[in-house]
C-alpha cells in the first residue's frame, strides 16, 4: 500500500509501514529477527559452499573481516576450510547478540557507516544492495581505510546483466530482487558490473574484478 509513496516521492516503504527502517526493526522484533537471520544463514551456506569450491582468494588471507556478517555463518564456513584465518564477524549489536560462538571467529558489534575493523581482507555478501550509492561509497571508504596496502574487499552480490537474458533465468533474478528492494527500502537495489566498478573507483580502489559465480550471485574483488 506504500509502493506509490516510493515511486512518487522516493520514500522508504518499510518505514512508512512500521515507523522505522528494516534493519532497526530487526532489533525490536525477536521473532522477525530470528526468521531473518535463519534465512540469511541458509542462503549464505548454499552460496558459500559453491564459492569455496572454486575461489582461491582466501588462501593468502590472515585476518578476514565479514562486514554485515550476520550470525557468522560465512566465517564459520571459511575458517573450517582455512583454520589459520582469524575471522572477525562485524554487524549491528542486535544481530551479534544472537551469534553463536565459533572457533577462530571474534564477534564484534558496530556500525559499518562509522568504521570497520582492520583486516587483510574484508568480505561483504549482499550488503550493498540495501544502500544507495552515497552510502555504499561511505562504507567502502571505511573499508579502504581499514585495509593494508594491496588489501582487498571481497564482494558477493547479484550482478545484473545490462539487459535481461533469454534461457537461463539465473542472471535475471537480480531484476526481481531489484524491484523487491525498491518496495522495501526505496533505495539501493541490484547493480550491473559497471555500476560496481564506479562505486569501487569512487571509493579509492584501483581495480574491480569479477572472479566467479555461485548460482545467481557473483564474487568480485575490489583491490586497494
N, C-alpha and C. Protein backbone atom coordinates (compact mmCIF):
# COMPACT_ATOMS: atom_id res chain seq x y z
N UNK A 1 0.82 -1.21 0.00
CA UNK A 1 0.00 0.00 0.00
C UNK A 1 0.86 1.27 0.00
N UNK A 2 2.15 1.12 0.30
CA UNK A 2 3.05 2.28 0.35
C UNK A 2 3.93 2.38 -0.89
N UNK A 3 3.72 1.49 -1.87
CA UNK A 3 4.57 1.50 -3.06
C UNK A 3 4.46 2.81 -3.83
N UNK A 4 3.27 3.39 -3.86
CA UNK A 4 3.10 4.66 -4.56
C UNK A 4 3.96 5.76 -3.94
N UNK A 5 4.15 5.70 -2.60
CA UNK A 5 4.99 6.70 -1.93
C UNK A 5 6.45 6.55 -2.35
N UNK A 6 6.87 5.29 -2.59
CA UNK A 6 8.23 5.04 -3.05
C UNK A 6 8.43 5.60 -4.45
N UNK A 7 7.49 5.30 -5.33
CA UNK A 7 7.62 5.69 -6.73
C UNK A 7 7.47 7.19 -6.93
N UNK A 8 6.48 7.78 -6.26
CA UNK A 8 6.18 9.19 -6.49
C UNK A 8 7.04 10.13 -5.65
N UNK A 9 7.44 9.69 -4.43
CA UNK A 9 8.14 10.59 -3.52
C UNK A 9 9.49 10.06 -3.04
N UNK A 10 9.84 8.84 -3.43
CA UNK A 10 11.13 8.28 -3.02
C UNK A 10 11.21 7.92 -1.56
N UNK A 11 10.08 7.65 -0.93
CA UNK A 11 10.07 7.33 0.50
C UNK A 11 10.50 5.89 0.74
N UNK A 12 10.84 5.59 1.99
CA UNK A 12 11.16 4.24 2.45
C UNK A 12 9.85 3.56 2.83
N UNK A 13 9.42 2.55 2.05
CA UNK A 13 8.13 1.92 2.27
C UNK A 13 8.06 1.22 3.61
N UNK A 14 9.14 0.57 4.02
CA UNK A 14 9.14 -0.14 5.30
C UNK A 14 8.96 0.84 6.45
N UNK A 15 9.64 1.99 6.37
CA UNK A 15 9.49 3.00 7.41
C UNK A 15 8.07 3.55 7.45
N UNK A 16 7.48 3.74 6.29
CA UNK A 16 6.10 4.23 6.24
C UNK A 16 5.15 3.26 6.92
N UNK A 17 5.42 1.96 6.75
CA UNK A 17 4.53 0.94 7.31
C UNK A 17 4.79 0.67 8.79
N UNK A 18 6.06 0.75 9.21
CA UNK A 18 6.42 0.30 10.56
C UNK A 18 7.04 1.39 11.44
N UNK A 19 7.29 2.57 10.88
CA UNK A 19 7.82 3.65 11.68
C UNK A 19 9.30 3.59 11.94
N UNK A 20 10.00 2.67 11.31
CA UNK A 20 11.46 2.54 11.45
C UNK A 20 11.99 1.79 10.24
N UNK A 21 13.31 1.90 10.03
CA UNK A 21 13.93 1.21 8.90
C UNK A 21 13.98 -0.29 9.18
N UNK A 22 14.14 -1.07 8.10
CA UNK A 22 14.08 -2.53 8.21
C UNK A 22 15.11 -3.07 9.18
N UNK A 23 16.36 -2.57 9.12
CA UNK A 23 17.39 -3.10 9.99
C UNK A 23 17.19 -2.67 11.44
N UNK A 24 16.56 -1.54 11.66
CA UNK A 24 16.19 -1.14 13.02
C UNK A 24 15.10 -2.05 13.57
N UNK A 25 14.20 -2.46 12.69
CA UNK A 25 13.09 -3.33 13.10
C UNK A 25 13.61 -4.68 13.59
N UNK A 26 14.74 -5.13 13.05
CA UNK A 26 15.32 -6.39 13.48
C UNK A 26 15.61 -6.39 14.98
N UNK A 27 15.98 -5.22 15.50
CA UNK A 27 16.29 -5.13 16.93
C UNK A 27 15.07 -5.00 17.81
N UNK A 28 13.90 -4.85 17.21
CA UNK A 28 12.69 -4.63 18.01
C UNK A 28 11.72 -5.81 17.98
N UNK A 29 11.93 -6.74 17.05
CA UNK A 29 11.02 -7.88 16.91
C UNK A 29 11.85 -9.16 16.90
N UNK A 30 11.87 -9.85 18.02
CA UNK A 30 12.74 -11.02 18.18
C UNK A 30 12.37 -12.14 17.21
N UNK A 31 11.09 -12.37 17.01
CA UNK A 31 10.65 -13.43 16.11
C UNK A 31 11.04 -13.12 14.66
N UNK A 32 10.85 -11.86 14.25
CA UNK A 32 11.23 -11.45 12.91
C UNK A 32 12.74 -11.56 12.72
N UNK A 33 13.50 -11.15 13.72
CA UNK A 33 14.96 -11.21 13.64
C UNK A 33 15.44 -12.66 13.51
N UNK A 34 14.81 -13.56 14.26
CA UNK A 34 15.19 -14.97 14.20
C UNK A 34 14.93 -15.54 12.81
N UNK A 35 13.79 -15.21 12.24
CA UNK A 35 13.45 -15.69 10.90
C UNK A 35 14.39 -15.09 9.84
N UNK A 36 14.68 -13.80 9.96
CA UNK A 36 15.57 -13.12 9.02
C UNK A 36 16.97 -13.72 9.08
N UNK A 37 17.50 -13.89 10.30
CA UNK A 37 18.85 -14.43 10.46
C UNK A 37 18.95 -15.86 9.92
N UNK A 38 17.89 -16.65 10.12
CA UNK A 38 17.88 -18.02 9.60
C UNK A 38 17.88 -18.01 8.07
N UNK A 39 17.08 -17.13 7.47
CA UNK A 39 17.03 -17.04 6.01
C UNK A 39 18.38 -16.63 5.44
N UNK A 40 19.03 -15.65 6.05
CA UNK A 40 20.33 -15.20 5.58
C UNK A 40 21.38 -16.29 5.76
N UNK A 41 21.30 -17.02 6.88
CA UNK A 41 22.26 -18.08 7.15
C UNK A 41 22.14 -19.22 6.14
N UNK A 42 20.92 -19.62 5.84
CA UNK A 42 20.71 -20.73 4.90
C UNK A 42 21.15 -20.34 3.49
N UNK A 43 20.81 -19.13 3.06
CA UNK A 43 21.22 -18.71 1.71
C UNK A 43 22.73 -18.55 1.62
N UNK A 44 23.35 -18.04 2.69
CA UNK A 44 24.80 -17.88 2.71
C UNK A 44 25.50 -19.23 2.63
N UNK A 45 24.97 -20.22 3.33
CA UNK A 45 25.55 -21.56 3.30
C UNK A 45 25.53 -22.13 1.89
N UNK A 46 24.40 -22.02 1.23
CA UNK A 46 24.24 -22.53 -0.14
C UNK A 46 25.23 -21.86 -1.09
N UNK A 47 25.30 -20.54 -1.03
CA UNK A 47 26.16 -19.78 -1.95
C UNK A 47 27.63 -19.99 -1.64
N UNK A 48 27.99 -19.96 -0.35
CA UNK A 48 29.40 -20.03 0.03
C UNK A 48 30.01 -21.40 -0.20
N UNK A 49 29.25 -22.45 -0.04
CA UNK A 49 29.80 -23.79 -0.29
C UNK A 49 30.27 -23.91 -1.73
N UNK A 50 29.51 -23.35 -2.64
CA UNK A 50 29.90 -23.40 -4.05
C UNK A 50 31.09 -22.48 -4.31
N UNK A 51 31.11 -21.30 -3.68
CA UNK A 51 32.23 -20.38 -3.85
C UNK A 51 33.53 -21.01 -3.36
N UNK A 52 33.47 -21.66 -2.20
CA UNK A 52 34.68 -22.25 -1.62
C UNK A 52 35.24 -23.39 -2.45
N UNK A 53 34.43 -23.94 -3.35
CA UNK A 53 34.92 -25.00 -4.24
C UNK A 53 35.83 -24.44 -5.33
N UNK A 54 35.63 -23.18 -5.71
CA UNK A 54 36.35 -22.64 -6.88
C UNK A 54 37.20 -21.41 -6.58
N UNK A 55 36.86 -20.66 -5.53
CA UNK A 55 37.55 -19.40 -5.26
C UNK A 55 38.77 -19.63 -4.39
N UNK A 56 39.92 -19.12 -4.80
CA UNK A 56 41.18 -19.32 -4.09
C UNK A 56 41.67 -18.06 -3.37
N UNK A 57 40.84 -17.02 -3.34
CA UNK A 57 41.28 -15.74 -2.81
C UNK A 57 41.43 -15.65 -1.32
N UNK A 58 41.02 -16.70 -0.59
CA UNK A 58 41.22 -16.71 0.87
C UNK A 58 42.57 -17.29 1.26
N UNK A 59 43.28 -17.89 0.31
CA UNK A 59 44.49 -18.64 0.64
C UNK A 59 45.60 -17.77 1.22
N UNK A 60 45.66 -16.49 0.84
CA UNK A 60 46.72 -15.61 1.32
C UNK A 60 46.23 -14.63 2.39
N UNK A 61 45.08 -14.90 2.99
CA UNK A 61 44.49 -14.00 3.98
C UNK A 61 44.77 -14.51 5.39
N UNK A 62 45.23 -13.61 6.27
CA UNK A 62 45.45 -13.96 7.68
C UNK A 62 44.28 -13.53 8.55
N UNK A 63 43.77 -12.31 8.34
CA UNK A 63 42.63 -11.80 9.10
C UNK A 63 41.54 -11.37 8.13
N UNK A 64 40.37 -11.99 8.26
CA UNK A 64 39.25 -11.71 7.36
C UNK A 64 38.11 -11.11 8.17
N UNK A 65 37.66 -9.92 7.75
CA UNK A 65 36.55 -9.24 8.41
C UNK A 65 35.30 -9.40 7.54
N UNK A 66 34.25 -9.97 8.12
CA UNK A 66 32.97 -10.07 7.41
C UNK A 66 32.08 -8.93 7.87
N UNK A 67 31.94 -7.92 7.02
CA UNK A 67 31.14 -6.74 7.35
C UNK A 67 29.68 -7.01 7.00
N UNK A 68 28.81 -6.88 7.99
CA UNK A 68 27.42 -7.28 7.80
C UNK A 68 27.30 -8.79 7.79
N UNK A 69 28.12 -9.43 8.63
CA UNK A 69 28.25 -10.89 8.62
C UNK A 69 27.16 -11.66 9.33
N UNK A 70 26.15 -10.96 9.85
CA UNK A 70 25.05 -11.66 10.49
C UNK A 70 25.50 -12.43 11.71
N UNK A 71 25.09 -13.69 11.80
CA UNK A 71 25.43 -14.51 12.97
C UNK A 71 26.71 -15.30 12.76
N UNK A 72 27.45 -15.01 11.68
CA UNK A 72 28.77 -15.61 11.49
C UNK A 72 28.81 -16.83 10.61
N UNK A 73 27.76 -17.08 9.85
CA UNK A 73 27.69 -18.29 9.01
C UNK A 73 28.83 -18.36 7.99
N UNK A 74 29.09 -17.25 7.30
CA UNK A 74 30.12 -17.24 6.26
C UNK A 74 31.50 -17.52 6.86
N UNK A 75 31.83 -16.84 7.94
CA UNK A 75 33.15 -17.03 8.54
C UNK A 75 33.32 -18.44 9.10
N UNK A 76 32.25 -19.03 9.59
CA UNK A 76 32.32 -20.41 10.07
C UNK A 76 32.70 -21.35 8.93
N UNK A 77 32.13 -21.12 7.75
CA UNK A 77 32.45 -21.94 6.59
C UNK A 77 33.88 -21.69 6.10
N UNK A 78 34.27 -20.41 6.05
CA UNK A 78 35.61 -20.07 5.56
C UNK A 78 36.69 -20.62 6.49
N UNK A 79 36.52 -20.41 7.80
CA UNK A 79 37.55 -20.86 8.75
C UNK A 79 37.58 -22.38 8.90
N UNK A 80 36.48 -23.05 8.57
CA UNK A 80 36.52 -24.52 8.60
C UNK A 80 37.41 -25.06 7.49
N UNK A 81 37.49 -24.34 6.37
CA UNK A 81 38.37 -24.74 5.28
C UNK A 81 39.77 -24.16 5.45
N UNK A 82 39.85 -22.95 6.02
CA UNK A 82 41.14 -22.29 6.24
C UNK A 82 41.28 -21.97 7.73
N UNK A 83 41.59 -22.98 8.56
CA UNK A 83 41.60 -22.78 10.03
C UNK A 83 42.65 -21.79 10.53
N UNK A 84 43.63 -21.45 9.72
CA UNK A 84 44.64 -20.48 10.16
C UNK A 84 44.12 -19.05 10.08
N UNK A 85 43.02 -18.82 9.37
CA UNK A 85 42.46 -17.47 9.24
C UNK A 85 41.79 -17.05 10.54
N UNK A 86 42.10 -15.82 10.97
CA UNK A 86 41.39 -15.22 12.10
C UNK A 86 40.19 -14.47 11.53
N UNK A 87 39.00 -14.83 11.98
CA UNK A 87 37.79 -14.21 11.48
C UNK A 87 37.23 -13.17 12.43
N UNK A 88 36.79 -12.04 11.89
CA UNK A 88 36.11 -11.01 12.68
C UNK A 88 34.73 -10.81 12.06
N UNK A 89 33.70 -11.21 12.79
CA UNK A 89 32.32 -11.07 12.31
C UNK A 89 31.75 -9.76 12.84
N UNK A 90 31.43 -8.84 11.92
CA UNK A 90 31.06 -7.47 12.28
C UNK A 90 29.64 -7.18 11.84
N UNK A 91 28.79 -6.80 12.80
CA UNK A 91 27.41 -6.46 12.47
C UNK A 91 26.83 -5.63 13.61
N UNK A 92 25.58 -5.24 13.46
CA UNK A 92 24.90 -4.45 14.49
C UNK A 92 24.81 -5.24 15.79
N UNK A 93 24.77 -4.52 16.90
CA UNK A 93 24.73 -5.17 18.21
C UNK A 93 23.55 -6.11 18.35
N UNK A 94 22.40 -5.73 17.80
CA UNK A 94 21.20 -6.57 17.91
C UNK A 94 21.36 -7.89 17.16
N UNK A 95 22.21 -7.89 16.12
CA UNK A 95 22.48 -9.12 15.37
C UNK A 95 23.53 -9.96 16.07
N UNK A 96 24.61 -9.31 16.50
CA UNK A 96 25.71 -10.01 17.17
C UNK A 96 25.22 -10.70 18.44
N UNK A 97 24.20 -10.15 19.07
CA UNK A 97 23.66 -10.75 20.30
C UNK A 97 23.16 -12.17 20.07
N UNK A 98 22.81 -12.50 18.83
CA UNK A 98 22.30 -13.84 18.51
C UNK A 98 23.34 -14.73 17.84
N UNK A 99 24.59 -14.26 17.74
CA UNK A 99 25.62 -15.03 17.06
C UNK A 99 26.21 -16.09 17.99
N UNK A 100 26.22 -17.36 17.58
CA UNK A 100 26.78 -18.42 18.43
C UNK A 100 28.30 -18.38 18.43
N UNK A 101 28.94 -18.90 19.47
CA UNK A 101 30.40 -18.98 19.49
C UNK A 101 30.91 -19.83 18.33
N UNK A 102 32.05 -19.44 17.78
CA UNK A 102 32.64 -20.18 16.66
C UNK A 102 34.15 -20.15 16.80
N UNK A 103 34.82 -21.30 16.78
CA UNK A 103 36.28 -21.32 16.91
C UNK A 103 36.96 -20.46 15.85
N UNK A 104 37.87 -19.61 16.30
CA UNK A 104 38.63 -18.77 15.37
C UNK A 104 37.92 -17.53 14.89
N UNK A 105 36.70 -17.29 15.40
CA UNK A 105 35.91 -16.13 14.97
C UNK A 105 35.57 -15.25 16.16
N UNK A 106 35.86 -13.96 16.03
CA UNK A 106 35.51 -12.97 17.05
C UNK A 106 34.31 -12.17 16.56
N UNK A 107 33.27 -12.10 17.38
CA UNK A 107 32.09 -11.31 17.03
C UNK A 107 32.26 -9.89 17.56
N UNK A 108 32.11 -8.91 16.68
CA UNK A 108 32.30 -7.50 17.04
C UNK A 108 31.07 -6.71 16.61
N UNK A 109 30.51 -5.93 17.53
CA UNK A 109 29.34 -5.10 17.23
C UNK A 109 29.78 -3.71 16.81
N UNK A 110 29.08 -3.13 15.84
CA UNK A 110 29.39 -1.78 15.40
C UNK A 110 28.54 -1.38 14.21
N UNK A 111 28.89 -0.23 13.64
CA UNK A 111 28.14 0.36 12.53
C UNK A 111 29.08 0.58 11.36
N UNK A 112 28.84 -0.11 10.25
CA UNK A 112 29.72 -0.01 9.08
C UNK A 112 29.76 1.40 8.49
N UNK A 113 28.75 2.21 8.77
CA UNK A 113 28.74 3.59 8.28
C UNK A 113 29.67 4.48 9.10
N UNK A 114 30.11 3.99 10.27
CA UNK A 114 31.01 4.76 11.12
C UNK A 114 32.45 4.30 10.96
N UNK A 115 32.68 3.00 11.09
CA UNK A 115 34.03 2.44 10.93
C UNK A 115 33.93 0.94 10.74
N UNK A 116 35.04 0.35 10.28
CA UNK A 116 35.11 -1.08 10.01
C UNK A 116 36.38 -1.62 10.65
N UNK A 117 36.34 -2.80 11.30
CA UNK A 117 37.55 -3.38 11.89
C UNK A 117 38.64 -3.62 10.84
N UNK A 118 39.88 -3.59 11.28
CA UNK A 118 41.01 -3.79 10.37
C UNK A 118 41.22 -5.27 10.07
N UNK A 119 41.64 -5.56 8.84
CA UNK A 119 41.95 -6.92 8.43
C UNK A 119 42.72 -6.92 7.13
N UNK A 120 43.27 -8.08 6.75
CA UNK A 120 43.97 -8.20 5.47
C UNK A 120 42.99 -8.10 4.31
N UNK A 121 41.79 -8.64 4.55
CA UNK A 121 40.74 -8.62 3.53
C UNK A 121 39.39 -8.43 4.22
N UNK A 122 38.47 -7.84 3.50
CA UNK A 122 37.12 -7.61 4.02
C UNK A 122 36.13 -8.31 3.10
N UNK A 123 35.21 -9.04 3.70
CA UNK A 123 34.19 -9.78 2.95
C UNK A 123 32.84 -9.12 3.16
N UNK A 124 32.07 -8.98 2.08
CA UNK A 124 30.73 -8.40 2.18
C UNK A 124 29.80 -9.13 1.23
N UNK A 125 28.79 -9.81 1.78
CA UNK A 125 27.81 -10.52 0.96
C UNK A 125 26.45 -9.87 1.10
N UNK A 126 25.89 -9.48 -0.03
CA UNK A 126 24.53 -8.96 -0.12
C UNK A 126 24.31 -7.80 0.85
N UNK A 127 25.29 -6.91 0.90
CA UNK A 127 25.21 -5.72 1.75
C UNK A 127 24.87 -4.49 0.91
N UNK A 128 25.57 -4.30 -0.19
CA UNK A 128 25.44 -3.06 -0.96
C UNK A 128 24.08 -2.88 -1.61
N UNK A 129 23.38 -3.98 -1.86
CA UNK A 129 22.07 -3.83 -2.50
C UNK A 129 21.05 -3.16 -1.57
N UNK A 130 21.39 -3.05 -0.29
CA UNK A 130 20.49 -2.41 0.67
C UNK A 130 20.74 -0.91 0.81
N UNK A 131 21.76 -0.39 0.08
CA UNK A 131 22.16 1.01 0.26
C UNK A 131 22.21 1.74 -1.07
N UNK A 132 21.98 3.06 -1.02
CA UNK A 132 22.16 3.88 -2.21
C UNK A 132 23.65 4.10 -2.47
N UNK A 133 23.97 4.72 -3.60
CA UNK A 133 25.38 4.87 -3.99
C UNK A 133 26.19 5.66 -2.97
N UNK A 134 25.63 6.73 -2.42
CA UNK A 134 26.37 7.57 -1.47
C UNK A 134 26.77 6.78 -0.23
N UNK A 135 25.84 5.98 0.30
CA UNK A 135 26.16 5.19 1.49
C UNK A 135 27.10 4.03 1.16
N UNK A 136 26.96 3.45 -0.04
CA UNK A 136 27.90 2.41 -0.46
C UNK A 136 29.32 2.95 -0.50
N UNK A 137 29.48 4.15 -1.04
CA UNK A 137 30.81 4.77 -1.12
C UNK A 137 31.33 5.07 0.28
N UNK A 138 30.47 5.51 1.17
CA UNK A 138 30.88 5.78 2.55
C UNK A 138 31.37 4.50 3.22
N UNK A 139 30.65 3.41 3.04
CA UNK A 139 31.05 2.12 3.61
C UNK A 139 32.36 1.65 3.01
N UNK A 140 32.49 1.77 1.69
CA UNK A 140 33.71 1.32 1.01
C UNK A 140 34.92 2.16 1.41
N UNK A 141 34.73 3.45 1.63
CA UNK A 141 35.84 4.28 2.09
C UNK A 141 36.29 3.86 3.49
N UNK A 142 35.34 3.46 4.34
CA UNK A 142 35.70 2.93 5.65
C UNK A 142 36.48 1.63 5.51
N UNK A 143 36.09 0.80 4.54
CA UNK A 143 36.83 -0.43 4.27
C UNK A 143 38.24 -0.12 3.78
N UNK A 144 38.33 0.83 2.85
CA UNK A 144 39.64 1.23 2.31
C UNK A 144 40.58 1.65 3.43
N UNK A 145 40.07 2.41 4.38
CA UNK A 145 40.90 2.91 5.49
C UNK A 145 41.35 1.78 6.41
N UNK A 146 40.59 0.69 6.47
CA UNK A 146 40.91 -0.40 7.39
C UNK A 146 41.78 -1.48 6.76
N UNK A 147 42.05 -1.36 5.47
CA UNK A 147 42.84 -2.37 4.77
C UNK A 147 44.30 -1.95 4.66
N UNK A 148 45.22 -2.92 4.64
CA UNK A 148 46.63 -2.59 4.40
C UNK A 148 46.86 -2.29 2.92
N UNK A 149 48.06 -1.87 2.60
CA UNK A 149 48.41 -1.68 1.20
C UNK A 149 48.19 -2.98 0.43
N UNK A 150 47.56 -2.91 -0.70
CA UNK A 150 47.23 -4.06 -1.54
C UNK A 150 46.18 -4.98 -0.91
N UNK A 151 45.45 -4.47 0.08
CA UNK A 151 44.33 -5.23 0.63
C UNK A 151 43.17 -5.26 -0.35
N UNK A 152 42.15 -6.05 -0.02
CA UNK A 152 41.02 -6.18 -0.95
C UNK A 152 39.71 -6.35 -0.20
N UNK A 153 38.64 -5.92 -0.87
CA UNK A 153 37.28 -6.20 -0.41
C UNK A 153 36.71 -7.26 -1.34
N UNK A 154 36.22 -8.33 -0.74
CA UNK A 154 35.59 -9.42 -1.49
C UNK A 154 34.08 -9.21 -1.41
N UNK A 155 33.48 -8.94 -2.55
CA UNK A 155 32.06 -8.57 -2.60
C UNK A 155 31.26 -9.66 -3.30
N UNK A 156 30.20 -10.13 -2.65
CA UNK A 156 29.29 -11.11 -3.25
C UNK A 156 27.91 -10.47 -3.38
N UNK A 157 27.48 -10.27 -4.60
CA UNK A 157 26.19 -9.63 -4.87
C UNK A 157 25.57 -10.24 -6.14
N UNK A 158 24.31 -9.96 -6.36
CA UNK A 158 23.68 -10.29 -7.64
C UNK A 158 24.06 -9.21 -8.64
N UNK A 159 24.90 -9.54 -9.60
CA UNK A 159 25.31 -8.57 -10.62
C UNK A 159 24.38 -8.72 -11.82
N UNK A 160 23.61 -7.69 -12.08
CA UNK A 160 22.62 -7.76 -13.16
C UNK A 160 23.27 -7.61 -14.53
N UNK A 161 22.79 -8.34 -15.53
CA UNK A 161 23.20 -8.05 -16.91
C UNK A 161 22.62 -6.71 -17.34
N UNK A 162 23.22 -6.11 -18.35
CA UNK A 162 22.72 -4.81 -18.82
C UNK A 162 21.29 -4.92 -19.34
N UNK A 163 20.96 -6.08 -19.90
CA UNK A 163 19.61 -6.34 -20.37
C UNK A 163 19.22 -7.76 -19.97
N UNK A 164 17.93 -8.02 -19.72
CA UNK A 164 17.50 -9.39 -19.38
C UNK A 164 17.93 -10.37 -20.46
N UNK A 165 18.31 -11.59 -20.03
CA UNK A 165 18.76 -12.61 -20.96
C UNK A 165 17.70 -13.70 -21.10
N UNK A 166 17.62 -14.28 -22.28
CA UNK A 166 16.69 -15.38 -22.50
C UNK A 166 17.35 -16.69 -22.10
N UNK A 167 16.54 -17.72 -21.86
CA UNK A 167 17.09 -19.01 -21.49
C UNK A 167 17.25 -19.13 -19.99
N UNK A 168 18.50 -19.26 -19.52
CA UNK A 168 18.80 -19.42 -18.09
C UNK A 168 18.26 -18.23 -17.31
N UNK A 169 17.44 -18.50 -16.30
CA UNK A 169 16.82 -17.41 -15.55
C UNK A 169 17.74 -16.84 -14.48
N UNK A 170 18.85 -17.55 -14.15
CA UNK A 170 19.70 -17.12 -13.03
C UNK A 170 20.18 -15.67 -13.14
N UNK A 171 20.69 -15.23 -14.32
CA UNK A 171 21.16 -13.84 -14.40
C UNK A 171 20.05 -12.81 -14.22
N UNK A 172 18.81 -13.23 -14.46
CA UNK A 172 17.70 -12.27 -14.44
C UNK A 172 17.04 -12.13 -13.07
N UNK A 173 17.40 -13.01 -12.12
CA UNK A 173 16.78 -12.94 -10.80
C UNK A 173 17.04 -11.58 -10.15
N UNK A 174 18.18 -10.99 -10.47
CA UNK A 174 18.51 -9.68 -9.92
C UNK A 174 17.47 -8.63 -10.22
N UNK A 175 16.82 -8.73 -11.37
CA UNK A 175 15.77 -7.76 -11.71
C UNK A 175 14.59 -7.88 -10.76
N UNK A 176 14.23 -9.11 -10.39
CA UNK A 176 13.14 -9.33 -9.44
C UNK A 176 13.51 -8.81 -8.06
N UNK A 177 14.73 -9.12 -7.63
CA UNK A 177 15.18 -8.67 -6.31
C UNK A 177 15.31 -7.15 -6.29
N UNK A 178 15.70 -6.57 -7.40
CA UNK A 178 15.80 -5.12 -7.50
C UNK A 178 14.44 -4.46 -7.23
N UNK A 179 13.38 -5.02 -7.77
CA UNK A 179 12.04 -4.49 -7.52
C UNK A 179 11.63 -4.69 -6.06
N UNK A 180 12.04 -5.82 -5.49
CA UNK A 180 11.75 -6.07 -4.08
C UNK A 180 12.42 -5.03 -3.19
N UNK A 181 13.69 -4.71 -3.49
CA UNK A 181 14.41 -3.72 -2.69
C UNK A 181 13.79 -2.34 -2.85
N UNK A 182 13.29 -2.04 -4.05
CA UNK A 182 12.61 -0.76 -4.26
C UNK A 182 11.38 -0.67 -3.36
N UNK A 183 10.60 -1.75 -3.30
CA UNK A 183 9.38 -1.72 -2.48
C UNK A 183 9.70 -1.74 -1.00
N UNK A 184 10.84 -2.34 -0.63
CA UNK A 184 11.20 -2.46 0.79
C UNK A 184 11.83 -1.19 1.32
N UNK A 185 12.79 -0.62 0.55
CA UNK A 185 13.59 0.48 1.07
C UNK A 185 13.49 1.77 0.26
N UNK A 186 13.15 1.66 -1.01
CA UNK A 186 13.09 2.85 -1.84
C UNK A 186 14.45 3.34 -2.29
N UNK A 187 15.52 2.61 -1.94
CA UNK A 187 16.87 2.97 -2.36
C UNK A 187 17.68 1.69 -2.47
N UNK A 188 18.92 1.80 -2.95
CA UNK A 188 19.74 0.61 -3.11
C UNK A 188 19.30 -0.17 -4.33
N UNK A 189 19.27 -1.48 -4.22
CA UNK A 189 18.89 -2.34 -5.33
C UNK A 189 20.08 -3.05 -5.94
N UNK A 190 19.80 -3.93 -6.89
CA UNK A 190 20.86 -4.66 -7.57
C UNK A 190 21.52 -3.77 -8.62
N UNK A 191 22.77 -4.09 -8.98
CA UNK A 191 23.54 -3.24 -9.89
C UNK A 191 24.23 -4.06 -10.97
N UNK A 192 24.57 -3.40 -12.05
CA UNK A 192 25.39 -4.01 -13.10
C UNK A 192 26.86 -3.95 -12.68
N UNK A 193 27.70 -4.68 -13.39
CA UNK A 193 29.14 -4.67 -13.09
C UNK A 193 29.71 -3.26 -13.24
N UNK A 194 29.29 -2.53 -14.25
CA UNK A 194 29.83 -1.18 -14.46
C UNK A 194 29.49 -0.26 -13.29
N UNK A 195 28.34 -0.46 -12.68
CA UNK A 195 27.97 0.36 -11.51
C UNK A 195 28.82 -0.01 -10.30
N UNK A 196 29.15 -1.31 -10.15
CA UNK A 196 30.04 -1.70 -9.05
C UNK A 196 31.45 -1.16 -9.28
N UNK A 197 31.88 -1.17 -10.52
CA UNK A 197 33.19 -0.58 -10.84
C UNK A 197 33.21 0.89 -10.47
N UNK A 198 32.14 1.60 -10.76
CA UNK A 198 32.07 3.03 -10.44
C UNK A 198 32.13 3.25 -8.93
N UNK A 199 31.45 2.40 -8.15
CA UNK A 199 31.49 2.52 -6.69
C UNK A 199 32.91 2.27 -6.18
N UNK A 200 33.57 1.26 -6.73
CA UNK A 200 34.93 0.93 -6.29
C UNK A 200 35.88 2.08 -6.57
N UNK A 201 35.85 2.63 -7.77
CA UNK A 201 36.77 3.71 -8.13
C UNK A 201 36.47 4.98 -7.34
N UNK A 202 35.19 5.26 -7.09
CA UNK A 202 34.82 6.46 -6.33
C UNK A 202 35.26 6.36 -4.87
N UNK A 203 35.52 5.14 -4.41
CA UNK A 203 35.92 4.92 -3.01
C UNK A 203 37.43 4.82 -2.85
N UNK A 204 38.17 4.92 -3.96
CA UNK A 204 39.62 4.91 -3.89
C UNK A 204 40.27 3.60 -4.29
N UNK A 205 39.48 2.59 -4.63
CA UNK A 205 40.06 1.31 -5.05
C UNK A 205 40.52 1.42 -6.50
N UNK A 206 41.60 0.73 -6.82
CA UNK A 206 42.22 0.89 -8.14
C UNK A 206 41.73 -0.13 -9.17
N UNK A 207 41.09 -1.21 -8.67
CA UNK A 207 40.67 -2.26 -9.61
C UNK A 207 39.46 -3.00 -9.07
N UNK A 208 38.53 -3.31 -9.97
CA UNK A 208 37.36 -4.14 -9.65
C UNK A 208 37.35 -5.30 -10.63
N UNK A 209 37.33 -6.51 -10.11
CA UNK A 209 37.41 -7.69 -10.96
C UNK A 209 36.35 -8.71 -10.58
N UNK A 210 35.58 -9.19 -11.55
CA UNK A 210 34.62 -10.26 -11.31
C UNK A 210 35.36 -11.59 -11.43
N UNK A 211 35.34 -12.39 -10.35
CA UNK A 211 36.16 -13.59 -10.28
C UNK A 211 35.39 -14.86 -10.62
N UNK A 212 34.23 -15.06 -10.00
CA UNK A 212 33.49 -16.29 -10.21
C UNK A 212 32.02 -16.08 -9.88
N UNK A 213 31.21 -17.09 -10.16
CA UNK A 213 29.78 -17.01 -9.88
C UNK A 213 29.34 -18.20 -9.04
N UNK A 214 28.27 -17.98 -8.29
CA UNK A 214 27.64 -19.04 -7.50
C UNK A 214 26.14 -18.85 -7.58
N UNK A 215 25.49 -19.71 -8.35
CA UNK A 215 24.06 -19.56 -8.61
C UNK A 215 23.78 -18.17 -9.20
N UNK A 216 22.94 -17.37 -8.55
CA UNK A 216 22.62 -16.04 -9.08
C UNK A 216 23.58 -14.96 -8.58
N UNK A 217 24.55 -15.35 -7.78
CA UNK A 217 25.48 -14.39 -7.17
C UNK A 217 26.81 -14.37 -7.92
N UNK A 218 27.47 -13.22 -7.86
CA UNK A 218 28.81 -13.06 -8.43
C UNK A 218 29.76 -12.60 -7.35
N UNK A 219 31.00 -13.09 -7.41
CA UNK A 219 32.04 -12.66 -6.47
C UNK A 219 32.98 -11.71 -7.19
N UNK A 220 33.15 -10.53 -6.61
CA UNK A 220 34.06 -9.52 -7.15
C UNK A 220 35.14 -9.19 -6.12
N UNK A 221 36.27 -8.74 -6.59
CA UNK A 221 37.33 -8.23 -5.72
C UNK A 221 37.57 -6.76 -6.04
N UNK A 222 37.57 -5.92 -5.00
CA UNK A 222 37.96 -4.52 -5.12
C UNK A 222 39.36 -4.40 -4.52
N UNK A 223 40.34 -4.05 -5.32
CA UNK A 223 41.73 -4.02 -4.86
C UNK A 223 42.17 -2.60 -4.52
N UNK A 224 42.81 -2.46 -3.37
CA UNK A 224 43.30 -1.17 -2.90
C UNK A 224 44.54 -0.77 -3.70
